[in-house]
Amino acid sequence: VPLGEDPSRGVKIGTGLPDLARKQLKACLRENADLFAWSAAEMSGLDPEVACHQLTIDPSVSAV
């Protein structure tokens, strides 16, 4: 479901939804498209300590 003019900004919904539920969900997503954040820059006020994660990687081990 595209949310806005940028085709890369969209969400996927399940194919098993009944037609009425699918239509209602699409309408709800489009009505609330301004609530979605697509980058960290769009999430003003969010503490990076909460939103960021780090992987513990041993540099002596080769990648798989």
PDB file of N, CA and C in Angstrom:
ATOM      1  N   VAL A   1       0.856  -1.173   0.000  1.00  0.00           N
ATOM      2  CA  VAL A   1       0.000   0.000   0.000  1.00  0.00           C
ATOM      3  C   VAL A   1       0.897   1.229   0.000  1.00  0.00           C
ATOM      4  N   PRO A   2       0.908   1.999  -1.072  1.00  0.00           N
ATOM      5  CA  PRO A   2       1.708   3.226  -1.083  1.00  0.00           C
ATOM      6  C   PRO A   2       1.113   4.263  -0.132  1.00  0.00           C
ATOM      7  N   LEU A   3       2.001   4.938   0.587  1.00  0.00           N
ATOM      8  CA  LEU A   3       1.559   5.972   1.530  1.00  0.00           C
ATOM      9  C   LEU A   3       2.151   7.298   1.097  1.00  0.00           C
ATOM     10  N   GLY A   4       1.480   7.981   0.217  1.00  0.00           N
ATOM     11  CA  GLY A   4       1.964   9.255  -0.282  1.00  0.00           C
ATOM     12  C   GLY A   4       2.459   9.140  -1.705  1.00  0.00           C
ATOM     13  N   GLU A   5       3.198  10.157  -2.133  1.00  0.00           N
ATOM     14  CA  GLU A   5       3.647  10.228  -3.519  1.00  0.00           C
ATOM     15  C   GLU A   5       4.917   9.439  -3.776  1.00  0.00           C
ATOM     16  N   ASP A   6       5.740   9.218  -2.761  1.00  0.00           N
ATOM     17  CA  ASP A   6       6.990   8.476  -2.913  1.00  0.00           C
ATOM     18  C   ASP A   6       6.678   6.980  -2.917  1.00  0.00           C
ATOM     19  N   PRO A   7       6.906   6.280  -4.047  1.00  0.00           N
ATOM     20  CA  PRO A   7       6.557   4.862  -4.127  1.00  0.00           C
ATOM     21  C   PRO A   7       7.364   3.967  -3.184  1.00  0.00           C
ATOM     22  N   SER A   8       8.502   4.458  -2.704  1.00  0.00           N
ATOM     23  CA  SER A   8       9.292   3.641  -1.784  1.00  0.00           C
ATOM     24  C   SER A   8       8.721   3.676  -0.368  1.00  0.00           C
ATOM     25  N   ARG A   9       7.791   4.561  -0.132  1.00  0.00           N
ATOM     26  CA  ARG A   9       7.177   4.673   1.195  1.00  0.00           C
ATOM     27  C   ARG A   9       5.816   3.989   1.183  1.00  0.00           C
ATOM     28  N   GLY A  10       5.837   2.756   1.583  1.00  0.00           N
ATOM     29  CA  GLY A  10       4.607   1.984   1.613  1.00  0.00           C
ATOM     30  C   GLY A  10       4.733   0.847   2.601  1.00  0.00           C
ATOM     31  N   VAL A  11       3.637   0.174   2.829  1.00  0.00           N
ATOM     32  CA  VAL A  11       3.620  -0.961   3.734  1.00  0.00           C
ATOM     33  C   VAL A  11       2.953  -2.140   3.039  1.00  0.00           C
ATOM     34  N   LYS A  12       3.275  -3.316   3.511  1.00  0.00           N
ATOM     35  CA  LYS A  12       2.662  -4.531   2.980  1.00  0.00           C
ATOM     36  C   LYS A  12       1.605  -5.006   3.961  1.00  0.00           C
ATOM     37  N   ILE A  13       0.502  -5.471   3.413  1.00  0.00           N
ATOM     38  CA  ILE A  13      -0.551  -6.034   4.247  1.00  0.00           C
ATOM     39  C   ILE A  13      -0.810  -7.462   3.787  1.00  0.00           C
ATOM     40  N   GLY A  14      -1.346  -8.260   4.672  1.00  0.00           N
ATOM     41  CA  GLY A  14      -1.573  -9.675   4.379  1.00  0.00           C
ATOM     42  C   GLY A  14      -2.567  -9.893   3.252  1.00  0.00           C
ATOM     43  N   THR A  15      -2.307 -10.914   2.457  1.00  0.00           N
ATOM     44  CA  THR A  15      -3.195 -11.227   1.335  1.00  0.00           C
ATOM     45  C   THR A  15      -4.427 -11.998   1.784  1.00  0.00           C
ATOM     46  N   GLY A  16      -4.408 -12.516   3.010  1.00  0.00           N
ATOM     47  CA  GLY A  16      -5.525 -13.313   3.491  1.00  0.00           C
ATOM     48  C   GLY A  16      -6.654 -12.513   4.112  1.00  0.00           C
ATOM     49  N   LEU A  17      -6.539 -11.203   4.099  1.00  0.00           N
ATOM     50  CA  LEU A  17      -7.596 -10.375   4.689  1.00  0.00           C
ATOM     51  C   LEU A  17      -8.840 -10.378   3.806  1.00  0.00           C
ATOM     52  N   PRO A  18     -10.003 -10.416   4.419  1.00  0.00           N
ATOM     53  CA  PRO A  18     -11.230 -10.270   3.625  1.00  0.00           C
ATOM     54  C   PRO A  18     -11.243  -8.901   2.943  1.00  0.00           C
ATOM     55  N   ASP A  19     -11.967  -8.803   1.842  1.00  0.00           N
ATOM     56  CA  ASP A  19     -11.990  -7.567   1.049  1.00  0.00           C
ATOM     57  C   ASP A  19     -12.358  -6.337   1.870  1.00  0.00           C
ATOM     58  N   LEU A  20     -13.379  -6.439   2.706  1.00  0.00           N
ATOM     59  CA  LEU A  20     -13.808  -5.286   3.493  1.00  0.00           C
ATOM     60  C   LEU A  20     -12.706  -4.858   4.461  1.00  0.00           C
ATOM     61  N   ALA A  21     -12.086  -5.813   5.128  1.00  0.00           N
ATOM     62  CA  ALA A  21     -11.007  -5.494   6.073  1.00  0.00           C
ATOM     63  C   ALA A  21      -9.826  -4.870   5.340  1.00  0.00           C
ATOM     64  N   ARG A  22      -9.509  -5.380   4.154  1.00  0.00           N
ATOM     65  CA  ARG A  22      -8.413  -4.835   3.348  1.00  0.00           C
ATOM     66  C   ARG A  22      -8.696  -3.377   2.975  1.00  0.00           C
ATOM     67  N   LYS A  23      -9.907  -3.090   2.531  1.00  0.00           N
ATOM     68  CA  LYS A  23     -10.278  -1.721   2.159  1.00  0.00           C
ATOM     69  C   LYS A  23     -10.217  -0.789   3.361  1.00  0.00           C
ATOM     70  N   GLN A  24     -10.715  -1.257   4.505  1.00  0.00           N
ATOM     71  CA  GLN A  24     -10.701  -0.434   5.712  1.00  0.00           C
ATOM     72  C   GLN A  24      -9.275  -0.175   6.185  1.00  0.00           C
ATOM     73  N   LEU A  25      -8.429  -1.199   6.136  1.00  0.00           N
ATOM     74  CA  LEU A  25      -7.042  -1.038   6.561  1.00  0.00           C
ATOM     75  C   LEU A  25      -6.300  -0.079   5.641  1.00  0.00           C
ATOM     76  N   LYS A  26      -6.489  -0.215   4.334  1.00  0.00           N
ATOM     77  CA  LYS A  26      -5.849   0.700   3.386  1.00  0.00           C
ATOM     78  C   LYS A  26      -6.277   2.139   3.647  1.00  0.00           C
ATOM     79  N   ALA A  27      -7.563   2.344   3.876  1.00  0.00           N
ATOM     80  CA  ALA A  27      -8.069   3.696   4.144  1.00  0.00           C
ATOM     81  C   ALA A  27      -7.457   4.246   5.425  1.00  0.00           C
ATOM     82  N   CYS A  28      -7.374   3.421   6.452  1.00  0.00           N
ATOM     83  CA  CYS A  28      -6.797   3.860   7.725  1.00  0.00           C
ATOM     84  C   CYS A  28      -5.322   4.210   7.562  1.00  0.00           C
ATOM     85  N   LEU A  29      -4.576   3.390   6.853  1.00  0.00           N
ATOM     86  CA  LEU A  29      -3.151   3.650   6.634  1.00  0.00           C
ATOM     87  C   LEU A  29      -2.942   4.949   5.867  1.00  0.00           C
ATOM     88  N   ARG A  30      -3.735   5.153   4.826  1.00  0.00           N
ATOM     89  CA  ARG A  30      -3.586   6.375   4.026  1.00  0.00           C
ATOM     90  C   ARG A  30      -3.987   7.616   4.820  1.00  0.00           C
ATOM     91  N   GLU A  31      -5.035   7.504   5.632  1.00  0.00           N
ATOM     92  CA  GLU A  31      -5.472   8.643   6.443  1.00  0.00           C
ATOM     93  C   GLU A  31      -4.421   9.025   7.482  1.00  0.00           C
ATOM     94  N   ASN A  32      -3.643   8.055   7.917  1.00  0.00           N
ATOM     95  CA  ASN A  32      -2.654   8.286   8.975  1.00  0.00           C
ATOM     96  C   ASN A  32      -1.220   8.221   8.468  1.00  0.00           C
ATOM     97  N   ALA A  33      -1.026   8.392   7.171  1.00  0.00           N
ATOM     98  CA  ALA A  33       0.313   8.290   6.575  1.00  0.00           C
ATOM     99  C   ALA A  33       1.291   9.283   7.187  1.00  0.00           C
ATOM    100  N   ASP A  34       0.796  10.410   7.659  1.00  0.00           N
ATOM    101  CA  ASP A  34       1.685  11.419   8.244  1.00  0.00           C
ATOM    102  C   ASP A  34       2.252  10.981   9.595  1.00  0.00           C
ATOM    103  N   LEU A  35       1.756   9.903  10.153  1.00  0.00           N
ATOM    104  CA  LEU A  35       2.255   9.409  11.441  1.00  0.00           C
ATOM    105  C   LEU A  35       3.457   8.484  11.295  1.00  0.00           C
ATOM    106  N   PHE A  36       3.737   8.028  10.076  1.00  0.00           N
ATOM    107  CA  PHE A  36       4.848   7.115   9.843  1.00  0.00           C
ATOM    108  C   PHE A  36       6.159   7.879   9.743  1.00  0.00           C
ATOM    109  N   ALA A  37       7.215   7.300  10.281  1.00  0.00           N
ATOM    110  CA  ALA A  37       8.564   7.864  10.157  1.00  0.00           C
ATOM    111  C   ALA A  37       9.384   6.897   9.313  1.00  0.00           C
ATOM    112  N   TRP A  38      10.063   7.423   8.309  1.00  0.00           N
ATOM    113  CA  TRP A  38      10.824   6.582   7.395  1.00  0.00           C
ATOM    114  C   TRP A  38      12.323   6.700   7.627  1.00  0.00           C
ATOM    115  N   SER A  39      12.725   7.615   8.467  1.00  0.00           N
ATOM    116  CA  SER A  39      14.142   7.764   8.805  1.00  0.00           C
ATOM    117  C   SER A  39      14.245   8.298  10.229  1.00  0.00           C
ATOM    118  N   ALA A  40      15.431   8.177  10.800  1.00  0.00           N
ATOM    119  CA  ALA A  40      15.648   8.678  12.158  1.00  0.00           C
ATOM    120  C   ALA A  40      15.435  10.187  12.225  1.00  0.00           C
ATOM    121  N   ALA A  41      15.751  10.888  11.144  1.00  0.00           N
ATOM    122  CA  ALA A  41      15.585  12.345  11.114  1.00  0.00           C
ATOM    123  C   ALA A  41      14.118  12.751  11.266  1.00  0.00           C
ATOM    124  N   GLU A  42      13.213  11.880  10.857  1.00  0.00           N
ATOM    125  CA  GLU A  42      11.786  12.175  10.954  1.00  0.00           C
ATOM    126  C   GLU A  42      11.208  11.853  12.338  1.00  0.00           C
ATOM    127  N   MET A  43      12.032  11.330  13.221  1.00  0.00           N
ATOM    128  CA  MET A  43      11.574  10.960  14.561  1.00  0.00           C
ATOM    129  C   MET A  43      12.099  11.954  15.585  1.00  0.00           C
ATOM    130  N   SER A  44      11.649  13.182  15.465  1.00  0.00           N
ATOM    131  CA  SER A  44      12.128  14.213  16.384  1.00  0.00           C
ATOM    132  C   SER A  44      11.708  13.886  17.811  1.00  0.00           C
ATOM    133  N   GLY A  45      12.605  14.168  18.725  1.00  0.00           N
ATOM    134  CA  GLY A  45      12.318  13.934  20.130  1.00  0.00           C
ATOM    135  C   GLY A  45      12.580  12.521  20.607  1.00  0.00           C
ATOM    136  N   LEU A  46      12.990  11.639  19.711  1.00  0.00           N
ATOM    137  CA  LEU A  46      13.275  10.261  20.093  1.00  0.00           C
ATOM    138  C   LEU A  46      14.729  10.144  20.511  1.00  0.00           C
ATOM    139  N   ASP A  47      14.968   9.672  21.709  1.00  0.00           N
ATOM    140  CA  ASP A  47      16.319   9.520  22.242  1.00  0.00           C
ATOM    141  C   ASP A  47      17.049   8.415  21.478  1.00  0.00           C
ATOM    142  N   PRO A  48      18.189   8.709  20.835  1.00  0.00           N
ATOM    143  CA  PRO A  48      18.941   7.692  20.090  1.00  0.00           C
ATOM    144  C   PRO A  48      19.358   6.508  20.965  1.00  0.00           C
ATOM    145  N   GLU A  49      19.482   6.723  22.260  1.00  0.00           N
ATOM    146  CA  GLU A  49      19.825   5.617  23.158  1.00  0.00           C
ATOM    147  C   GLU A  49      18.720   4.563  23.181  1.00  0.00           C
ATOM    148  N   VAL A  50      17.517   4.981  22.888  1.00  0.00           N
ATOM    149  CA  VAL A  50      16.389   4.057  22.874  1.00  0.00           C
ATOM    150  C   VAL A  50      16.237   3.416  21.499  1.00  0.00           C
ATOM    151  N   ALA A  51      16.475   4.179  20.451  1.00  0.00           N
ATOM    152  CA  ALA A  51      16.179   3.732  19.098  1.00  0.00           C
ATOM    153  C   ALA A  51      17.338   3.035  18.399  1.00  0.00           C
ATOM    154  N   CYS A  52      18.551   3.129  18.916  1.00  0.00           N
ATOM    155  CA  CYS A  52      19.715   2.549  18.249  1.00  0.00           C
ATOM    156  C   CYS A  52      20.153   1.279  18.960  1.00  0.00           C
ATOM    157  N   HIS A  53      20.734   0.388  18.195  1.00  0.00           N
ATOM    158  CA  HIS A  53      21.267  -0.831  18.783  1.00  0.00           C
ATOM    159  C   HIS A  53      22.682  -1.059  18.283  1.00  0.00           C
ATOM    160  N   GLN A  54      23.400  -1.882  18.982  1.00  0.00           N
ATOM    161  CA  GLN A  54      24.761  -2.223  18.590  1.00  0.00           C
ATOM    162  C   GLN A  54      24.892  -3.739  18.583  1.00  0.00           C
ATOM    163  N   LEU A  55      25.656  -4.237  17.640  1.00  0.00           N
ATOM    164  CA  LEU A  55      25.946  -5.664  17.584  1.00  0.00           C
ATOM    165  C   LEU A  55      27.316  -5.909  18.189  1.00  0.00           C
ATOM    166  N   THR A  56      27.392  -6.902  19.029  1.00  0.00           N
ATOM    167  CA  THR A  56      28.676  -7.275  19.591  1.00  0.00           C
ATOM    168  C   THR A  56      29.334  -8.231  18.602  1.00  0.00           C
ATOM    169  N   ILE A  57      30.355  -7.734  17.926  1.00  0.00           N
ATOM    170  CA  ILE A  57      31.016  -8.512  16.878  1.00  0.00           C
ATOM    171  C   ILE A  57      32.474  -8.701  17.252  1.00  0.00           C
ATOM    172  N   ASP A  58      32.924  -9.943  17.157  1.00  0.00           N
ATOM    173  CA  ASP A  58      34.324 -10.263  17.434  1.00  0.00           C
ATOM    174  C   ASP A  58      35.110 -10.043  16.147  1.00  0.00           C
ATOM    175  N   PRO A  59      35.993  -9.049  16.091  1.00  0.00           N
ATOM    176  CA  PRO A  59      36.734  -8.757  14.857  1.00  0.00           C
ATOM    177  C   PRO A  59      37.686  -9.883  14.448  1.00  0.00           C
ATOM    178  N   SER A  60      37.979 -10.808  15.342  1.00  0.00           N
ATOM    179  CA  SER A  60      38.891 -11.901  14.987  1.00  0.00           C
ATOM    180  C   SER A  60      38.170 -13.054  14.290  1.00  0.00           C
ATOM    181  N   VAL A  61      36.844 -12.991  14.211  1.00  0.00           N
ATOM    182  CA  VAL A  61      36.065 -14.050  13.577  1.00  0.00           C
ATOM    183  C   VAL A  61      35.634 -13.580  12.193  1.00  0.00           C
ATOM    184  N   SER A  62      35.817 -14.461  11.187  1.00  0.00           N
ATOM    185  CA  SER A  62      35.435 -14.084   9.823  1.00  0.00           C
ATOM    186  C   SER A  62      33.920 -14.139   9.661  1.00  0.00           C
ATOM    187  N   ALA A  63      33.415 -13.288   8.798  1.00  0.00           N
ATOM    188  CA  ALA A  63      31.978 -13.227   8.539  1.00  0.00           C
ATOM    189  C   ALA A  63      31.520 -14.471   7.803  1.00  0.00           C
ATOM    190  N   VAL A  64      30.299 -14.843   8.034  1.00  0.00           N
ATOM    191  CA  VAL A  64      29.739 -16.029   7.381  1.00  0.00           C
ATOM    192  C   VAL A  64      28.986 -15.596   6.149  1.00  0.00           C
TER     193      VAL A  64
END
